Amino acid sequence: ISADARLIHGIHHTLSVWDSPASMRRYLIAAAHKDAMAVFSKIATGRVHGYLAETPPEWSDVHEIWKVNGREV
């Protein structure tokens, strides 16, 4: 549905919104995403967090949600 990126406290965050868990999973297992994740550790470090919600989080909350719930990739 949407994707956005912002720099918060010196950390690049992306926020994507999907119409269903199934559509998000299809993206995650697609060749382009798998290829990107295969080289991720060579170009960056990071944490990810995905969850279901009725509405996307406010950007003012994204960094804290990520700090508390993110997992290393």
PDB file of N, CA and C in Angstrom:
ATOM      1  N   ILE A   1       0.834  -1.184   0.000  1.00  0.00           N
ATOM      2  CA  ILE A   1       0.000   0.000   0.000  1.00  0.00           C
ATOM      3  C   ILE A   1       0.872   1.238   0.000  1.00  0.00           C
ATOM      4  N   SER A   2       1.939   1.218   0.838  1.00  0.00           N
ATOM      5  CA  SER A   2       2.839   2.372   0.873  1.00  0.00           C
ATOM      6  C   SER A   2       4.198   1.965   1.426  1.00  0.00           C
ATOM      7  N   ALA A   3       5.169   2.813   1.151  1.00  0.00           N
ATOM      8  CA  ALA A   3       6.516   2.643   1.701  1.00  0.00           C
ATOM      9  C   ALA A   3       7.106   4.028   1.872  1.00  0.00           C
ATOM     10  N   ASP A   4       7.829   4.208   2.960  1.00  0.00           N
ATOM     11  CA  ASP A   4       8.437   5.494   3.256  1.00  0.00           C
ATOM     12  C   ASP A   4       9.738   5.229   4.002  1.00  0.00           C
ATOM     13  N   ALA A   5      10.622   6.183   3.996  1.00  0.00           N
ATOM     14  CA  ALA A   5      11.896   6.063   4.711  1.00  0.00           C
ATOM     15  C   ALA A   5      12.220   7.387   5.369  1.00  0.00           C
ATOM     16  N   ARG A   6      12.832   7.300   6.529  1.00  0.00           N
ATOM     17  CA  ARG A   6      13.235   8.501   7.263  1.00  0.00           C
ATOM     18  C   ARG A   6      14.506   8.213   8.056  1.00  0.00           C
ATOM     19  N   LEU A   7      15.254   9.274   8.307  1.00  0.00           N
ATOM     20  CA  LEU A   7      16.430   9.211   9.170  1.00  0.00           C
ATOM     21  C   LEU A   7      15.998   9.705  10.550  1.00  0.00           C
ATOM     22  N   ILE A   8      16.096   8.820  11.545  1.00  0.00           N
ATOM     23  CA  ILE A   8      15.685   9.153  12.909  1.00  0.00           C
ATOM     24  C   ILE A   8      16.843   8.850  13.841  1.00  0.00           C
ATOM     25  N   HIS A   9      17.320   9.856  14.555  1.00  0.00           N
ATOM     26  CA  HIS A   9      18.452   9.694  15.477  1.00  0.00           C
ATOM     27  C   HIS A   9      19.642   9.059  14.767  1.00  0.00           C
ATOM     28  N   GLY A  10      19.881   9.438  13.524  1.00  0.00           N
ATOM     29  CA  GLY A  10      21.016   8.951  12.765  1.00  0.00           C
ATOM     30  C   GLY A  10      20.862   7.545  12.197  1.00  0.00           C
ATOM     31  N   ILE A  11      19.675   6.986  12.295  1.00  0.00           N
ATOM     32  CA  ILE A  11      19.418   5.628  11.818  1.00  0.00           C
ATOM     33  C   ILE A  11      18.362   5.679  10.721  1.00  0.00           C
ATOM     34  N   HIS A  12      18.639   5.009   9.613  1.00  0.00           N
ATOM     35  CA  HIS A  12      17.690   4.952   8.505  1.00  0.00           C
ATOM     36  C   HIS A  12      16.597   3.935   8.827  1.00  0.00           C
ATOM     37  N   HIS A  13      15.358   4.387   8.765  1.00  0.00           N
ATOM     38  CA  HIS A  13      14.204   3.517   8.995  1.00  0.00           C
ATOM     39  C   HIS A  13      13.349   3.487   7.744  1.00  0.00           C
ATOM     40  N   THR A  14      12.799   2.328   7.441  1.00  0.00           N
ATOM     41  CA  THR A  14      11.788   2.225   6.392  1.00  0.00           C
ATOM     42  C   THR A  14      10.509   1.697   7.030  1.00  0.00           C
ATOM     43  N   LEU A  15       9.403   2.145   6.498  1.00  0.00           N
ATOM     44  CA  LEU A  15       8.099   1.714   6.989  1.00  0.00           C
ATOM     45  C   LEU A  15       7.264   1.330   5.776  1.00  0.00           C
ATOM     46  N   SER A  16       6.920   0.058   5.689  1.00  0.00           N
ATOM     47  CA  SER A  16       6.080  -0.388   4.577  1.00  0.00           C
ATOM     48  C   SER A  16       4.759  -0.891   5.135  1.00  0.00           C
ATOM     49  N   VAL A  17       3.710  -0.638   4.374  1.00  0.00           N
ATOM     50  CA  VAL A  17       2.359  -1.039   4.767  1.00  0.00           C
ATOM     51  C   VAL A  17       1.815  -1.946   3.672  1.00  0.00           C
ATOM     52  N   TRP A  18       1.297  -3.078   4.091  1.00  0.00           N
ATOM     53  CA  TRP A  18       0.816  -4.098   3.161  1.00  0.00           C
ATOM     54  C   TRP A  18      -0.675  -4.303   3.357  1.00  0.00           C
ATOM     55  N   ASP A  19      -1.351  -4.800   2.320  1.00  0.00           N
ATOM     56  CA  ASP A  19      -2.792  -5.028   2.434  1.00  0.00           C
ATOM     57  C   ASP A  19      -3.136  -6.345   3.135  1.00  0.00           C
ATOM     58  N   SER A  20      -2.137  -7.222   3.277  1.00  0.00           N
ATOM     59  CA  SER A  20      -2.376  -8.485   3.980  1.00  0.00           C
ATOM     60  C   SER A  20      -1.043  -9.114   4.359  1.00  0.00           C
ATOM     61  N   PRO A  21      -1.045  -9.976   5.365  1.00  0.00           N
ATOM     62  CA  PRO A  21       0.179 -10.706   5.696  1.00  0.00           C
ATOM     63  C   PRO A  21       0.668 -11.538   4.515  1.00  0.00           C
ATOM     64  N   ALA A  22      -0.246 -12.091   3.736  1.00  0.00           N
ATOM     65  CA  ALA A  22       0.149 -12.918   2.591  1.00  0.00           C
ATOM     66  C   ALA A  22       0.909 -12.107   1.552  1.00  0.00           C
ATOM     67  N   SER A  23       0.486 -10.879   1.282  1.00  0.00           N
ATOM     68  CA  SER A  23       1.203 -10.064   0.291  1.00  0.00           C
ATOM     69  C   SER A  23       2.587  -9.684   0.799  1.00  0.00           C
ATOM     70  N   MET A  24       2.715  -9.444   2.096  1.00  0.00           N
ATOM     71  CA  MET A  24       4.035  -9.149   2.647  1.00  0.00           C
ATOM     72  C   MET A  24       4.939 -10.371   2.537  1.00  0.00           C
ATOM     73  N   ARG A  25       4.418 -11.548   2.847  1.00  0.00           N
ATOM     74  CA  ARG A  25       5.214 -12.775   2.741  1.00  0.00           C
ATOM     75  C   ARG A  25       5.647 -13.034   1.297  1.00  0.00           C
ATOM     76  N   ARG A  26       4.759 -12.784   0.325  1.00  0.00           N
ATOM     77  CA  ARG A  26       5.138 -12.972  -1.078  1.00  0.00           C
ATOM     78  C   ARG A  26       6.328 -12.080  -1.427  1.00  0.00           C
ATOM     79  N   TYR A  27       6.327 -10.859  -0.936  1.00  0.00           N
ATOM     80  CA  TYR A  27       7.461  -9.958  -1.173  1.00  0.00           C
ATOM     81  C   TYR A  27       8.724 -10.499  -0.495  1.00  0.00           C
ATOM     82  N   LEU A  28       8.597 -10.946   0.732  1.00  0.00           N
ATOM     83  CA  LEU A  28       9.764 -11.413   1.481  1.00  0.00           C
ATOM     84  C   LEU A  28      10.447 -12.613   0.838  1.00  0.00           C
ATOM     85  N   ILE A  29       9.686 -13.467   0.163  1.00  0.00           N
ATOM     86  CA  ILE A  29      10.291 -14.654  -0.449  1.00  0.00           C
ATOM     87  C   ILE A  29      10.596 -14.459  -1.936  1.00  0.00           C
ATOM     88  N   ALA A  30      10.275 -13.298  -2.472  1.00  0.00           N
ATOM     89  CA  ALA A  30      10.546 -13.018  -3.889  1.00  0.00           C
ATOM     90  C   ALA A  30      12.056 -12.919  -4.127  1.00  0.00           C
ATOM     91  N   ALA A  31      12.459 -13.209  -5.343  1.00  0.00           N
ATOM     92  CA  ALA A  31      13.880 -13.236  -5.695  1.00  0.00           C
ATOM     93  C   ALA A  31      14.579 -11.911  -5.404  1.00  0.00           C
ATOM     94  N   ALA A  32      13.963 -10.790  -5.729  1.00  0.00           N
ATOM     95  CA  ALA A  32      14.619  -9.490  -5.523  1.00  0.00           C
ATOM     96  C   ALA A  32      14.936  -9.250  -4.048  1.00  0.00           C
ATOM     97  N   HIS A  33      14.001  -9.572  -3.160  1.00  0.00           N
ATOM     98  CA  HIS A  33      14.244  -9.370  -1.730  1.00  0.00           C
ATOM     99  C   HIS A  33      15.281 -10.362  -1.218  1.00  0.00           C
ATOM    100  N   LYS A  34      15.196 -11.610  -1.641  1.00  0.00           N
ATOM    101  CA  LYS A  34      16.194 -12.605  -1.223  1.00  0.00           C
ATOM    102  C   LYS A  34      17.591 -12.196  -1.667  1.00  0.00           C
ATOM    103  N   ASP A  35      17.711 -11.699  -2.894  1.00  0.00           N
ATOM    104  CA  ASP A  35      19.018 -11.249  -3.393  1.00  0.00           C
ATOM    105  C   ASP A  35      19.549 -10.080  -2.561  1.00  0.00           C
ATOM    106  N   ALA A  36      18.681  -9.151  -2.232  1.00  0.00           N
ATOM    107  CA  ALA A  36      19.100  -7.997  -1.428  1.00  0.00           C
ATOM    108  C   ALA A  36      19.550  -8.437  -0.040  1.00  0.00           C
ATOM    109  N   MET A  37      18.818  -9.341   0.583  1.00  0.00           N
ATOM    110  CA  MET A  37      19.179  -9.804   1.921  1.00  0.00           C
ATOM    111  C   MET A  37      20.469 -10.615   1.908  1.00  0.00           C
ATOM    112  N   ALA A  38      20.765 -11.271   0.806  1.00  0.00           N
ATOM    113  CA  ALA A  38      21.993 -12.072   0.705  1.00  0.00           C
ATOM    114  C   ALA A  38      23.236 -11.191   0.790  1.00  0.00           C
ATOM    115  N   VAL A  39      23.152  -9.953   0.352  1.00  0.00           N
ATOM    116  CA  VAL A  39      24.311  -9.055   0.391  1.00  0.00           C
ATOM    117  C   VAL A  39      24.190  -8.000   1.495  1.00  0.00           C
ATOM    118  N   PHE A  40      23.101  -8.034   2.241  1.00  0.00           N
ATOM    119  CA  PHE A  40      22.860  -7.012   3.263  1.00  0.00           C
ATOM    120  C   PHE A  40      24.038  -6.868   4.224  1.00  0.00           C
ATOM    121  N   SER A  41      24.547  -7.974   4.726  1.00  0.00           N
ATOM    122  CA  SER A  41      25.612  -7.902   5.728  1.00  0.00           C
ATOM    123  C   SER A  41      26.901  -7.296   5.172  1.00  0.00           C
ATOM    124  N   LYS A  42      27.054  -7.264   3.855  1.00  0.00           N
ATOM    125  CA  LYS A  42      28.244  -6.663   3.245  1.00  0.00           C
ATOM    126  C   LYS A  42      28.128  -5.156   3.120  1.00  0.00           C
ATOM    127  N   ILE A  43      26.895  -4.629   3.175  1.00  0.00           N
ATOM    128  CA  ILE A  43      26.714  -3.188   2.956  1.00  0.00           C
ATOM    129  C   ILE A  43      26.095  -2.456   4.137  1.00  0.00           C
ATOM    130  N   ALA A  44      25.568  -3.197   5.119  1.00  0.00           N
ATOM    131  CA  ALA A  44      24.883  -2.525   6.218  1.00  0.00           C
ATOM    132  C   ALA A  44      24.770  -3.447   7.427  1.00  0.00           C
ATOM    133  N   THR A  45      24.296  -2.882   8.501  1.00  0.00           N
ATOM    134  CA  THR A  45      23.893  -3.646   9.673  1.00  0.00           C
ATOM    135  C   THR A  45      22.471  -3.212   9.970  1.00  0.00           C
ATOM    136  N   GLY A  46      21.769  -4.008  10.706  1.00  0.00           N
ATOM    137  CA  GLY A  46      20.423  -3.552  10.977  1.00  0.00           C
ATOM    138  C   GLY A  46      19.572  -4.505  11.764  1.00  0.00           C
ATOM    139  N   ARG A  47      18.413  -3.995  12.041  1.00  0.00           N
ATOM    140  CA  ARG A  47      17.395  -4.726  12.771  1.00  0.00           C
ATOM    141  C   ARG A  47      16.088  -4.572  12.009  1.00  0.00           C
ATOM    142  N   VAL A  48      15.223  -5.533  12.150  1.00  0.00           N
ATOM    143  CA  VAL A  48      13.913  -5.477  11.496  1.00  0.00           C
ATOM    144  C   VAL A  48      12.826  -5.786  12.512  1.00  0.00           C
ATOM    145  N   HIS A  49      11.645  -5.312  12.218  1.00  0.00           N
ATOM    146  CA  HIS A  49      10.489  -5.636  13.045  1.00  0.00           C
ATOM    147  C   HIS A  49       9.250  -5.545  12.174  1.00  0.00           C
ATOM    148  N   GLY A  50       8.454  -6.576  12.189  1.00  0.00           N
ATOM    149  CA  GLY A  50       7.203  -6.575  11.455  1.00  0.00           C
ATOM    150  C   GLY A  50       6.077  -7.010  12.369  1.00  0.00           C
ATOM    151  N   TYR A  51       4.920  -6.421  12.186  1.00  0.00           N
ATOM    152  CA  TYR A  51       3.787  -6.801  13.022  1.00  0.00           C
ATOM    153  C   TYR A  51       2.480  -6.391  12.364  1.00  0.00           C
ATOM    154  N   LEU A  52       1.410  -6.981  12.825  1.00  0.00           N
ATOM    155  CA  LEU A  52       0.076  -6.656  12.343  1.00  0.00           C
ATOM    156  C   LEU A  52      -0.506  -5.523  13.172  1.00  0.00           C
ATOM    157  N   ALA A  53      -1.194  -4.610  12.507  1.00  0.00           N
ATOM    158  CA  ALA A  53      -1.849  -3.503  13.202  1.00  0.00           C
ATOM    159  C   ALA A  53      -2.994  -2.997  12.346  1.00  0.00           C
ATOM    160  N   GLU A  54      -3.960  -2.394  12.979  1.00  0.00           N
ATOM    161  CA  GLU A  54      -5.080  -1.807  12.245  1.00  0.00           C
ATOM    162  C   GLU A  54      -4.648  -0.563  11.472  1.00  0.00           C
ATOM    163  N   THR A  55      -3.686   0.167  12.019  1.00  0.00           N
ATOM    164  CA  THR A  55      -3.175   1.371  11.368  1.00  0.00           C
ATOM    165  C   THR A  55      -1.652   1.386  11.508  1.00  0.00           C
ATOM    166  N   PRO A  56      -0.948   2.015  10.574  1.00  0.00           N
ATOM    167  CA  PRO A  56       0.512   2.115  10.697  1.00  0.00           C
ATOM    168  C   PRO A  56       0.896   2.951  11.921  1.00  0.00           C
ATOM    169  N   PRO A  57       2.076   2.694  12.467  1.00  0.00           N
ATOM    170  CA  PRO A  57       2.521   3.525  13.596  1.00  0.00           C
ATOM    171  C   PRO A  57       2.831   4.944  13.124  1.00  0.00           C
ATOM    172  N   GLU A  58       2.757   5.866  14.027  1.00  0.00           N
ATOM    173  CA  GLU A  58       3.175   7.241  13.747  1.00  0.00           C
ATOM    174  C   GLU A  58       4.694   7.254  13.660  1.00  0.00           C
ATOM    175  N   TRP A  59       5.234   8.097  12.781  1.00  0.00           N
ATOM    176  CA  TRP A  59       6.687   8.191  12.678  1.00  0.00           C
ATOM    177  C   TRP A  59       7.320   8.548  14.015  1.00  0.00           C
ATOM    178  N   SER A  60       6.628   9.283  14.847  1.00  0.00           N
ATOM    179  CA  SER A  60       7.184   9.648  16.155  1.00  0.00           C
ATOM    180  C   SER A  60       7.370   8.433  17.057  1.00  0.00           C
ATOM    181  N   ASP A  61       6.722   7.312  16.752  1.00  0.00           N
ATOM    182  CA  ASP A  61       6.831   6.090  17.553  1.00  0.00           C
ATOM    183  C   ASP A  61       7.731   5.023  16.933  1.00  0.00           C
ATOM    184  N   VAL A  62       8.065   5.164  15.660  1.00  0.00           N
ATOM    185  CA  VAL A  62       8.768   4.110  14.935  1.00  0.00           C
ATOM    186  C   VAL A  62      10.106   3.740  15.569  1.00  0.00           C
ATOM    187  N   HIS A  63      10.923   4.707  15.921  1.00  0.00           N
ATOM    188  CA  HIS A  63      12.253   4.407  16.466  1.00  0.00           C
ATOM    189  C   HIS A  63      12.157   3.604  17.762  1.00  0.00           C
ATOM    190  N   GLU A  64      11.255   3.985  18.645  1.00  0.00           N
ATOM    191  CA  GLU A  64      11.124   3.279  19.919  1.00  0.00           C
ATOM    192  C   GLU A  64      10.602   1.858  19.697  1.00  0.00           C
ATOM    193  N   ILE A  65       9.624   1.699  18.809  1.00  0.00           N
ATOM    194  CA  ILE A  65       9.111   0.360  18.491  1.00  0.00           C
ATOM    195  C   ILE A  65      10.252  -0.515  17.974  1.00  0.00           C
ATOM    196  N   TRP A  66      11.056   0.049  17.083  1.00  0.00           N
ATOM    197  CA  TRP A  66      12.194  -0.676  16.507  1.00  0.00           C
ATOM    198  C   TRP A  66      13.225  -1.032  17.585  1.00  0.00           C
ATOM    199  N   LYS A  67      13.557  -0.089  18.467  1.00  0.00           N
ATOM    200  CA  LYS A  67      14.542  -0.359  19.517  1.00  0.00           C
ATOM    201  C   LYS A  67      14.069  -1.491  20.433  1.00  0.00           C
ATOM    202  N   VAL A  68      12.824  -1.489  20.801  1.00  0.00           N
ATOM    203  CA  VAL A  68      12.298  -2.474  21.751  1.00  0.00           C
ATOM    204  C   VAL A  68      12.098  -3.839  21.099  1.00  0.00           C
ATOM    205  N   ASN A  69      11.606  -3.862  19.861  1.00  0.00           N
ATOM    206  CA  ASN A  69      11.163  -5.111  19.255  1.00  0.00           C
ATOM    207  C   ASN A  69      12.010  -5.623  18.102  1.00  0.00           C
ATOM    208  N   GLY A  70      12.927  -4.820  17.590  1.00  0.00           N
ATOM    209  CA  GLY A  70      13.679  -5.224  16.408  1.00  0.00           C
ATOM    210  C   GLY A  70      14.593  -6.404  16.672  1.00  0.00           C
ATOM    211  N   ARG A  71      14.797  -7.193  15.623  1.00  0.00           N
ATOM    212  CA  ARG A  71      15.746  -8.321  15.720  1.00  0.00           C
ATOM    213  C   ARG A  71      16.866  -8.085  14.704  1.00  0.00           C
ATOM    214  N   GLU A  72      18.056  -8.524  15.071  1.00  0.00           N
ATOM    215  CA  GLU A  72      19.225  -8.352  14.208  1.00  0.00           C
ATOM    216  C   GLU A  72      19.091  -9.188  12.940  1.00  0.00           C
ATOM    217  N   VAL A  73      19.534  -8.611  11.816  1.00  0.00           N
ATOM    218  CA  VAL A  73      19.585  -9.367  10.563  1.00  0.00           C
ATOM    219  C   VAL A  73      21.015  -9.431  10.097  1.00  0.00           C
TER     220      VAL A  73
END
